[in-house]
Amino acid sequence: MPDVTAAPQIVLSAYTTLRLGGPAGILTVATDTDQVVATVRRATEEGLPLLVLAGGSNVVIGDGGFDGTVLLLRTRGVRVVEEREDSVVLRVAAGEPWDDLVAYAVEKGLSGIECLSGIPGSAGATPIQNVGAYGQEVAHTIVAVHAYDRQAGTLRAMSPSECGFAYRASVFKHSDRYVVVEVDFRLARSPESAPIRYAELARHLGVEAGDRVPLRQARDTVRSLRARKGMVLDADDADTWSVGSFFTNPVVSAEQWAALGLDAPHWPGEDGTVKIPAAWLIERAGFPKGFAGDGVAISTKHTLALTNRGTGTTESLLALARTVRDGVRDRFGVELHPEPVLVNCKL
């Protein structure tokens, strides 16, 4: 059976990278898939609210906590389930730390996720958010997501099309129907990275867009870039006490982009849309790095990261987020949307 603790005294701030979040109702630690399924089934049968946490890197939990079952995923494991001459499929437990998986892939000469190095959180969280950075997204490599379907009461393997991957989104993100237990990634057998797509990364690597570099070089460079921006967790650096990018980059129609008349960096999205860097909008709306609220602040290293400086609360963080969001809307007429999942709180 899972380790179950009636836990009004356990605060969820201990399990989030923001170090914010109020008390849990019942905290359950699961170390294998059977324990995960048993916990979810019990919560469903008893009509209890359920919150699944692993790395806690993309969630904002209210100061009131979560009055229900909190399932803490501590499953581990990476195994090869398919081999081809040019690729392998790795089946990864949902609780496996994501950066450990990337390190493993680089060590084994497997290409496709090296530019996602340094991202906190667990492997099972990556399809929920369709995690992406530096020109790669997990949707590029995922071939199946194994999830417990609470509605059907069964485990199922979901294809990429069933996952509904979109920009920082999927069918899993704002629904409690599915609980991810394992993810299958197809990675290329190659000592070199996938083609470098991101201009900033190409510049720091000293290559042209589309070139490839050794896997280790790609990983080390990405981790260095992320560390400069406070995007690699550091217990001694409050700039890393965040959920990473708090806002997604807004996507507007070509007509909206033309009407804005901005001399801003931008890049094409799907179906003729235009993606605008949220950080550019935030800074030019009057919110520089280090802009402070009550015990919280915009990171001194990265404009998109809203951080807990050690004395903040979830409500003070959200108040800062509202100030930034409203300021950008008033200045540019562009709406910013939060990237993390908000639990028992709202923007």
Protein backbone atom coordinates (compact mmCIF):
# COMPACT_ATOMS: atom_id res chain seq x y z
CA MET A 1 0.00 0.00 0.00
CA PRO A 2 1.11 3.61 -0.50
CA ASP A 3 2.49 5.58 2.41
CA VAL A 4 -0.59 7.53 3.56
CA THR A 5 -0.35 10.39 6.01
CA ALA A 6 -3.24 12.45 7.36
CA ALA A 7 -1.41 15.68 6.92
CA PRO A 8 -3.03 18.95 7.97
CA GLN A 9 0.35 19.75 9.51
CA ILE A 10 2.22 19.15 6.22
CA VAL A 11 2.42 22.25 4.07
CA LEU A 12 2.72 21.83 0.31
CA SER A 13 5.32 24.58 0.06
CA ALA A 14 7.81 21.80 0.89
CA TYR A 15 6.97 20.16 -2.46
CA THR A 16 6.95 23.13 -4.85
CA THR A 17 9.82 25.01 -6.45
CA LEU A 18 8.09 28.28 -5.50
CA ARG A 19 8.23 27.20 -1.84
CA LEU A 20 4.60 28.30 -1.58
CA GLY A 21 1.37 26.45 -0.82
CA GLY A 22 -0.76 25.76 2.24
CA PRO A 23 -1.55 22.50 4.08
CA ALA A 24 -2.41 19.15 2.54
CA GLY A 25 -5.44 17.11 3.52
CA ILE A 26 -4.10 13.58 3.08
CA LEU A 27 -0.61 13.12 1.65
CA THR A 28 0.06 9.83 -0.14
CA VAL A 29 3.51 8.84 -1.43
CA ALA A 30 3.48 6.35 -4.32
CA THR A 31 6.61 4.58 -5.53
CA ASP A 32 5.10 2.28 -8.16
CA THR A 33 2.27 2.30 -10.70
CA ASP A 34 0.02 -0.01 -8.65
CA GLN A 35 0.20 2.41 -5.73
CA VAL A 36 -0.60 5.34 -8.02
CA VAL A 37 -3.67 3.59 -9.44
CA ALA A 38 -4.87 2.43 -6.02
CA THR A 39 -4.61 5.96 -4.62
CA VAL A 40 -6.43 7.54 -7.56
CA ARG A 41 -9.19 4.90 -7.49
CA ARG A 42 -9.75 5.39 -3.79
CA ALA A 43 -9.96 9.17 -4.13
CA THR A 44 -12.39 8.78 -7.05
CA GLU A 45 -14.60 6.28 -5.24
CA GLU A 46 -14.71 8.43 -2.11
CA GLY A 47 -15.35 11.61 -4.08
CA LEU A 48 -12.24 13.29 -2.72
CA PRO A 49 -10.45 16.05 -4.63
CA LEU A 50 -7.10 14.80 -5.98
CA LEU A 51 -3.88 16.70 -6.60
CA VAL A 52 -0.92 14.93 -8.20
CA LEU A 53 2.52 16.37 -7.46
CA ALA A 54 5.97 15.23 -8.51
CA GLY A 55 8.61 17.93 -8.96
CA GLY A 56 6.17 20.74 -8.16
CA SER A 57 7.87 22.99 -10.70
CA ASN A 58 4.86 24.11 -12.71
CA VAL A 59 2.17 24.57 -10.10
CA VAL A 60 0.99 27.46 -7.94
CA ILE A 61 -0.90 26.25 -4.85
CA GLY A 62 -3.07 28.60 -2.83
CA ASP A 63 -2.25 29.65 0.71
CA GLY A 64 -5.26 27.62 1.84
CA GLY A 65 -3.57 24.47 0.57
CA PHE A 66 -5.51 21.53 -0.83
CA ASP A 67 -8.26 19.89 1.20
CA GLY A 68 -8.19 16.47 -0.40
CA THR A 69 -5.77 13.72 -1.40
CA VAL A 70 -2.33 14.86 -2.49
CA LEU A 71 -0.56 12.11 -4.43
CA LEU A 72 3.20 12.58 -4.31
CA LEU A 73 4.72 10.70 -7.26
CA ARG A 74 8.03 9.08 -6.40
CA THR A 75 8.04 6.40 -9.10
CA ARG A 76 11.37 5.82 -10.81
CA GLY A 77 12.70 3.92 -13.80
CA VAL A 78 13.91 4.16 -17.39
CA ARG A 79 13.84 1.15 -19.69
CA VAL A 80 14.21 0.44 -23.40
CA VAL A 81 11.00 -0.98 -24.88
CA GLU A 82 11.84 -0.78 -28.58
CA GLU A 83 15.12 -0.76 -30.52
CA ARG A 84 15.75 0.12 -34.14
CA GLU A 85 18.94 0.71 -36.04
CA ASP A 86 18.54 4.47 -35.85
CA SER A 87 16.41 4.96 -32.70
CA VAL A 88 15.19 3.59 -29.38
CA VAL A 89 12.02 4.08 -27.37
CA LEU A 90 12.51 4.73 -23.66
CA ARG A 91 9.64 4.11 -21.25
CA VAL A 92 10.05 6.47 -18.33
CA ALA A 93 8.26 6.46 -14.97
CA ALA A 94 6.25 9.61 -14.33
CA GLY A 95 8.18 10.44 -11.16
CA GLU A 96 11.61 10.21 -12.80
CA PRO A 97 13.39 13.59 -12.47
CA TRP A 98 13.42 15.13 -15.92
CA ASP A 99 17.00 16.39 -15.99
CA ASP A 100 18.24 12.98 -14.84
CA LEU A 101 16.55 11.52 -17.92
CA VAL A 102 18.19 14.08 -20.20
CA ALA A 103 21.59 13.34 -18.65
CA TYR A 104 20.99 9.60 -19.20
CA ALA A 105 20.06 10.15 -22.85
CA VAL A 106 23.16 12.25 -23.51
CA GLU A 107 25.37 9.67 -21.81
CA LYS A 108 23.87 6.87 -23.94
CA GLY A 109 24.22 8.81 -27.22
CA LEU A 110 20.50 9.39 -27.67
CA SER A 111 19.42 12.60 -29.33
CA GLY A 112 16.20 14.60 -29.20
CA ILE A 113 15.82 16.09 -25.70
CA GLU A 114 19.31 17.53 -25.07
CA CYS A 115 18.08 21.14 -25.47
CA LEU A 116 15.59 20.51 -22.66
CA SER A 117 18.43 20.16 -20.15
CA GLY A 118 18.18 21.85 -16.78
CA ILE A 119 14.39 21.96 -16.67
CA PRO A 120 13.11 21.05 -13.19
CA GLY A 121 10.25 18.70 -12.53
CA SER A 122 9.43 15.13 -13.51
CA ALA A 123 9.19 13.22 -16.77
CA GLY A 124 5.46 12.64 -16.26
CA ALA A 125 4.80 16.37 -16.07
CA THR A 126 6.39 17.11 -19.44
CA PRO A 127 3.50 15.97 -21.66
CA ILE A 128 1.00 17.82 -19.48
CA GLN A 129 2.67 21.12 -20.29
CA ASN A 130 4.19 20.02 -23.60
CA VAL A 131 7.42 21.30 -22.11
CA GLY A 132 9.66 23.13 -24.54
CA ALA A 133 12.79 25.27 -24.63
CA TYR A 134 15.56 26.25 -27.01
CA GLY A 135 13.79 24.93 -30.08
CA GLN A 136 12.69 21.53 -28.74
CA GLU A 137 9.37 20.30 -27.32
CA VAL A 138 8.65 16.94 -25.76
CA ALA A 139 5.87 16.49 -28.33
CA HIS A 140 8.65 16.07 -30.92
CA THR A 141 9.75 12.81 -29.27
CA ILE A 142 6.74 11.40 -27.35
CA VAL A 143 5.21 8.33 -29.00
CA ALA A 144 2.82 7.38 -26.17
CA VAL A 145 1.61 8.58 -22.79
CA HIS A 146 0.46 5.85 -20.41
CA ALA A 147 -2.23 7.23 -18.16
CA TYR A 148 -4.89 6.09 -15.74
CA ASP A 149 -8.27 7.17 -17.07
CA ARG A 150 -10.40 8.03 -14.02
CA GLN A 151 -13.57 8.12 -16.12
CA ALA A 152 -13.11 4.63 -17.57
CA GLY A 153 -11.30 3.22 -14.54
CA THR A 154 -8.51 1.75 -16.69
CA LEU A 155 -4.93 2.29 -17.74
CA ARG A 156 -4.50 3.29 -21.38
CA ALA A 157 -1.74 4.19 -23.81
CA MET A 158 -2.52 7.48 -25.55
CA SER A 159 -1.08 8.39 -28.94
CA PRO A 160 0.32 11.89 -29.62
CA SER A 161 -2.85 12.82 -31.48
CA GLU A 162 -4.97 11.76 -28.49
CA CYS A 163 -2.76 13.89 -26.23
CA GLY A 164 -3.78 17.04 -28.10
CA PHE A 165 -0.37 18.66 -27.89
CA ALA A 166 -0.30 22.42 -28.48
CA TYR A 167 1.87 25.33 -27.35
CA ARG A 168 2.43 24.61 -23.62
CA ALA A 169 -0.78 22.64 -23.52
CA SER A 170 -2.35 19.18 -23.86
CA VAL A 171 -5.54 17.33 -22.94
CA PHE A 172 -3.97 16.66 -19.54
CA LYS A 173 -3.32 20.23 -18.46
CA HIS A 174 -6.67 21.48 -17.23
CA SER A 175 -8.44 18.17 -16.65
CA ASP A 176 -8.28 15.72 -13.76
CA ARG A 177 -9.52 12.83 -15.90
CA TYR A 178 -6.04 11.41 -16.58
CA VAL A 179 -3.10 10.66 -14.30
CA VAL A 180 0.13 10.11 -16.21
CA VAL A 181 2.07 7.05 -15.00
CA GLU A 182 4.67 6.51 -17.77
CA VAL A 183 5.82 8.23 -20.96
CA ASP A 184 7.42 6.72 -24.08
CA PHE A 185 10.05 8.83 -25.85
CA ARG A 186 11.59 7.94 -29.22
CA LEU A 187 15.17 9.21 -29.38
CA ALA A 188 17.63 9.00 -32.25
CA ARG A 189 20.84 7.02 -31.93
CA SER A 190 23.29 9.84 -32.55
CA PRO A 191 26.29 11.40 -30.81
CA GLU A 192 25.12 14.75 -32.16
CA SER A 193 22.19 16.96 -31.25
CA ALA A 194 19.06 17.43 -33.28
CA PRO A 195 19.42 20.44 -35.62
CA ILE A 196 19.80 23.59 -33.54
CA ARG A 197 16.68 25.70 -34.11
CA TYR A 198 16.98 28.44 -31.51
CA ALA A 199 18.96 31.54 -32.51
CA GLU A 200 20.29 32.36 -29.04
CA LEU A 201 21.54 28.81 -28.57
CA ALA A 202 23.13 28.70 -32.04
CA ARG A 203 24.91 31.97 -31.28
CA HIS A 204 26.37 30.68 -28.01
CA LEU A 205 27.39 27.43 -29.69
CA GLY A 206 29.05 29.35 -32.51
CA VAL A 207 27.07 27.53 -35.21
CA GLU A 208 24.38 28.32 -37.75
CA ALA A 209 20.72 27.44 -37.28
CA GLY A 210 20.21 23.89 -38.54
CA ASP A 211 23.70 22.73 -37.59
CA ARG A 212 24.31 19.89 -35.14
CA VAL A 213 26.77 19.78 -32.26
CA PRO A 214 27.94 17.04 -29.88
CA LEU A 215 25.23 16.11 -27.39
CA ARG A 216 27.36 17.03 -24.37
CA GLN A 217 28.13 20.46 -25.82
CA ALA A 218 24.43 21.15 -26.42
CA ARG A 219 23.49 20.05 -22.90
CA ASP A 220 26.24 22.01 -21.16
CA THR A 221 25.50 25.17 -23.15
CA VAL A 222 21.77 25.00 -22.46
CA ARG A 223 22.36 24.47 -18.74
CA SER A 224 24.74 27.43 -18.70
CA LEU A 225 22.21 29.66 -20.45
CA ARG A 226 19.43 28.58 -18.10
CA ALA A 227 21.62 29.12 -15.02
CA ARG A 228 22.36 32.70 -16.10
CA LYS A 229 18.61 33.28 -16.20
CA GLY A 230 17.97 31.69 -12.80
CA MET A 231 16.23 28.76 -14.48
CA VAL A 232 18.27 25.97 -12.86
CA LEU A 233 17.20 25.22 -9.29
CA ASP A 234 19.58 26.47 -6.61
CA ALA A 235 18.64 26.25 -2.93
CA ASP A 236 20.78 29.31 -2.20
CA ASP A 237 19.42 31.53 -5.00
CA ALA A 238 15.94 33.02 -4.56
CA ASP A 239 15.92 33.88 -8.27
CA THR A 240 15.32 30.17 -8.86
CA TRP A 241 12.40 29.91 -6.43
CA SER A 242 9.86 30.13 -9.21
CA VAL A 243 7.87 28.11 -11.71
CA GLY A 244 10.19 29.20 -14.50
CA SER A 245 8.34 31.31 -17.04
CA PHE A 246 5.13 32.50 -15.37
CA PHE A 247 3.49 33.73 -18.59
CA THR A 248 3.36 32.12 -22.01
CA ASN A 249 4.43 34.12 -25.04
CA PRO A 250 1.24 35.62 -26.49
CA VAL A 251 0.15 34.44 -29.92
CA VAL A 252 -1.80 36.95 -32.03
CA SER A 253 -3.28 36.93 -35.50
CA ALA A 254 -1.40 38.52 -38.38
CA GLU A 255 -4.01 41.29 -38.39
CA GLN A 256 -3.54 41.95 -34.67
CA TRP A 257 0.22 42.01 -35.10
CA ALA A 258 -0.02 44.55 -37.91
CA ALA A 259 -2.41 46.71 -35.88
CA LEU A 260 -0.03 46.72 -32.89
CA GLY A 261 2.70 48.32 -35.00
CA LEU A 262 5.41 47.12 -32.62
CA ASP A 263 9.12 47.16 -33.39
CA ALA A 264 9.46 43.99 -31.33
CA PRO A 265 11.13 40.64 -31.80
CA HIS A 266 8.63 38.05 -33.01
CA TRP A 267 8.43 34.78 -34.87
CA PRO A 268 5.78 32.96 -36.89
CA GLY A 269 3.31 30.64 -35.22
CA GLU A 270 0.85 28.19 -36.73
CA ASP A 271 -1.73 29.21 -39.32
CA GLY A 272 -0.18 32.61 -39.98
CA THR A 273 -0.18 33.71 -36.34
CA VAL A 274 2.63 35.69 -34.72
CA LYS A 275 4.27 34.90 -31.38
CA ILE A 276 5.56 37.84 -29.31
CA PRO A 277 8.07 37.43 -26.46
CA ALA A 278 6.22 38.08 -23.20
CA ALA A 279 9.46 39.26 -21.59
CA TRP A 280 9.79 42.08 -24.16
CA LEU A 281 6.24 43.24 -23.46
CA ILE A 282 6.69 43.06 -19.68
CA GLU A 283 9.89 45.08 -19.64
CA ARG A 284 8.51 47.77 -21.93
CA ALA A 285 5.32 48.02 -19.92
CA GLY A 286 7.44 49.21 -17.00
CA PHE A 287 8.31 46.02 -15.13
CA PRO A 288 12.08 45.49 -15.13
CA LYS A 289 14.04 42.62 -13.63
CA GLY A 290 13.88 42.88 -9.85
CA PHE A 291 10.51 44.68 -9.81
CA ALA A 292 9.25 43.86 -6.33
CA GLY A 293 5.99 43.07 -4.60
CA ASP A 294 5.33 41.95 -1.03
CA GLY A 295 7.97 39.31 -0.38
CA VAL A 296 8.01 38.44 -4.08
CA ALA A 297 9.64 39.92 -7.16
CA ILE A 298 10.39 39.52 -10.82
CA SER A 299 13.67 37.62 -10.98
CA THR A 300 16.79 39.77 -11.19
CA LYS A 301 17.96 37.46 -13.98
CA HIS A 302 14.86 36.80 -16.12
CA THR A 303 11.79 38.97 -16.66
CA LEU A 304 9.42 36.03 -17.13
CA ALA A 305 10.14 34.46 -13.74
CA LEU A 306 8.09 35.61 -10.74
CA THR A 307 9.92 34.58 -7.60
CA ASN A 308 9.33 34.06 -3.89
CA ARG A 309 12.06 35.97 -2.07
CA GLY A 310 11.56 33.86 1.06
CA THR A 311 8.81 35.82 2.79
CA GLY A 312 6.15 35.81 0.07
CA THR A 313 2.75 34.16 -0.06
CA THR A 314 0.82 32.75 -2.96
CA GLU A 315 -1.56 35.70 -2.82
CA SER A 316 1.30 38.21 -2.96
CA LEU A 317 2.78 36.35 -5.93
CA LEU A 318 -0.55 36.43 -7.75
CA ALA A 319 -0.95 40.13 -6.89
CA LEU A 320 2.37 40.77 -8.62
CA ALA A 321 1.26 38.65 -11.58
CA ARG A 322 -1.96 40.67 -11.86
CA THR A 323 -0.03 43.94 -11.79
CA VAL A 324 2.21 42.75 -14.60
CA ARG A 325 -0.65 41.28 -16.64
CA ASP A 326 -2.79 44.40 -16.32
CA GLY A 327 0.13 46.68 -17.08
CA VAL A 328 0.90 44.85 -20.31
CA ARG A 329 -2.77 44.89 -21.31
CA ASP A 330 -3.04 48.64 -20.62
CA ARG A 331 0.18 49.42 -22.53
CA PHE A 332 -0.18 47.12 -25.53
CA GLY A 333 -3.70 45.68 -25.53
CA VAL A 334 -2.19 42.18 -25.37
CA GLU A 335 -3.38 39.64 -22.79
CA LEU A 336 -0.81 37.54 -20.94
CA HIS A 337 -1.83 34.06 -19.75
CA PRO A 338 -0.22 32.05 -16.94
CA GLU A 339 1.85 29.03 -17.85
CA PRO A 340 1.67 27.08 -14.55
CA VAL A 341 -1.37 25.23 -13.23
CA LEU A 342 -3.18 27.22 -10.52
CA VAL A 343 -4.53 25.12 -7.64
CA ASN A 344 -7.02 26.60 -5.17
CA CYS A 345 -6.14 30.10 -6.34
CA LYS A 346 -6.78 32.29 -9.36
CA LEU A 347 -5.18 35.11 -11.27
